[in-house]
Protein backbone atom coordinates (compact mmCIF):
# COMPACT_ATOMS: atom_id res chain seq x y z
CA MET A 1 0.00 0.00 0.00
CA PRO A 2 1.52 3.39 -0.96
CA ASP A 3 2.37 5.97 1.66
CA MET A 4 -0.42 8.57 1.63
CA SER A 5 1.26 11.01 4.03
CA ALA A 6 3.09 12.79 1.20
CA SER A 7 -0.08 13.45 -0.79
CA ALA A 8 -1.97 14.47 2.35
CA ASN A 9 0.83 16.86 3.26
CA LEU A 10 0.75 18.36 -0.23
CA ALA A 11 -3.03 18.82 -0.06
CA LEU A 12 -2.78 20.54 3.30
CA THR A 13 -0.10 22.93 2.11
CA HIS A 14 -2.40 24.04 -0.70
CA LEU A 15 -5.35 24.56 1.68
CA VAL A 16 -3.46 26.58 4.31
CA PRO A 17 -3.34 29.81 2.25
CA LEU A 18 -7.10 29.55 1.63
CA ALA A 19 -7.78 29.23 5.35
CA LYS A 20 -5.74 32.34 6.17
CA GLU A 21 -7.87 34.46 3.82
CA VAL A 22 -11.03 33.82 5.87
CA ASP A 23 -11.69 36.39 8.60
CA ASP A 24 -12.67 34.63 11.84
CA ASN A 25 -14.96 37.52 12.84
CA LYS A 26 -17.03 37.34 9.64
CA VAL A 27 -17.66 33.59 9.47
CA THR A 28 -21.28 32.76 10.30
CA PRO A 29 -23.54 29.79 9.61
CA GLY A 30 -25.63 31.92 7.26
CA VAL A 31 -29.01 31.19 5.76
CA LEU A 32 -28.18 27.61 4.84
CA GLY A 33 -27.23 26.82 8.44
CA PHE A 34 -30.49 28.33 9.68
CA LEU A 35 -32.56 26.40 7.14
CA VAL A 36 -30.90 23.10 8.07
CA PHE A 37 -31.42 23.78 11.78
CA ALA A 38 -35.06 24.80 11.20
CA ALA A 39 -35.70 21.66 9.13
CA LEU A 40 -34.24 19.48 11.89
CA ALA A 41 -36.36 21.26 14.52
CA VAL A 42 -39.55 20.78 12.48
CA GLY A 43 -38.68 17.12 11.91
CA VAL A 44 -38.14 16.49 15.62
CA TRP A 45 -41.41 18.28 16.45
CA LEU A 46 -43.33 16.13 13.95
CA LEU A 47 -41.72 12.94 15.29
CA MET A 48 -42.64 13.87 18.86
CA LYS A 49 -46.21 14.66 17.82
CA SER A 50 -46.49 11.32 16.04
CA MET A 51 -44.98 9.47 19.00
CA ASN A 52 -47.47 11.05 21.41
CA ARG A 53 -50.37 10.08 19.14
CA HIS A 54 -49.14 6.47 18.88
CA MET A 55 -48.48 6.20 22.61
CA GLY A 56 -52.02 7.43 23.27
CA LYS A 57 -53.38 4.47 21.29
CA VAL A 58 -51.55 1.92 23.45
CA ASP A 59 -53.87 0.10 25.83
CA PHE A 60 -51.62 -1.82 28.18
CA GLU A 61 -53.19 -4.25 30.60
CA GLU A 62 -50.94 -6.62 32.47
CA ALA A 63 -51.84 -10.27 31.97
CA PRO A 64 -52.78 -12.19 35.13
CA ASP A 65 -50.08 -14.37 36.65
CA PRO A 66 -50.64 -18.00 35.53
CA LYS A 67 -49.58 -19.31 38.97
CA GLY A 68 -52.28 -17.29 40.67
CA GLU A 69 -49.76 -15.49 42.88
CA GLY A 70 -50.38 -11.85 42.25
CA PRO A 71 -49.94 -9.03 44.73
CA SER A 72 -53.43 -9.63 46.10
CA SER A 73 -52.74 -13.31 46.89
CA LYS A 74 -49.47 -12.41 48.63
CA ASP A 75 -51.31 -9.87 50.79
CA ALA A 76 -53.91 -12.49 51.62
CA LYS A 77 -51.19 -14.96 52.69
CA ARG A 78 -49.59 -12.34 54.93
CA LYS A 79 -52.89 -11.51 56.64
CA SER A 80 -53.90 -15.14 57.16
CA GLY A 81 -50.46 -16.24 58.39
CA PRO A 82 -49.40 -16.90 62.00
CA ALA A 83 -48.68 -13.21 62.64
CA ALA A 84 -52.33 -12.31 62.05
CA ALA A 85 -53.54 -14.62 64.84
């Protein structure tokens, strides 16, 4: 495999003068940055709205324990045990 460090070094030396021409005080995200951020915000809002609608449709009821030992039967055992006498 050829050594890529020489070509990477050459590419960086050509990009350094371009980077020095940019004024750090004038660089802003601009309109494109705002539009991308706004699109992401709208997308998240729509996903949250959809999630709330789908979660509202969920009707969760816990299935009864097949052994018959639910919380009510445990409470009954505690009350009818030797300590209750």
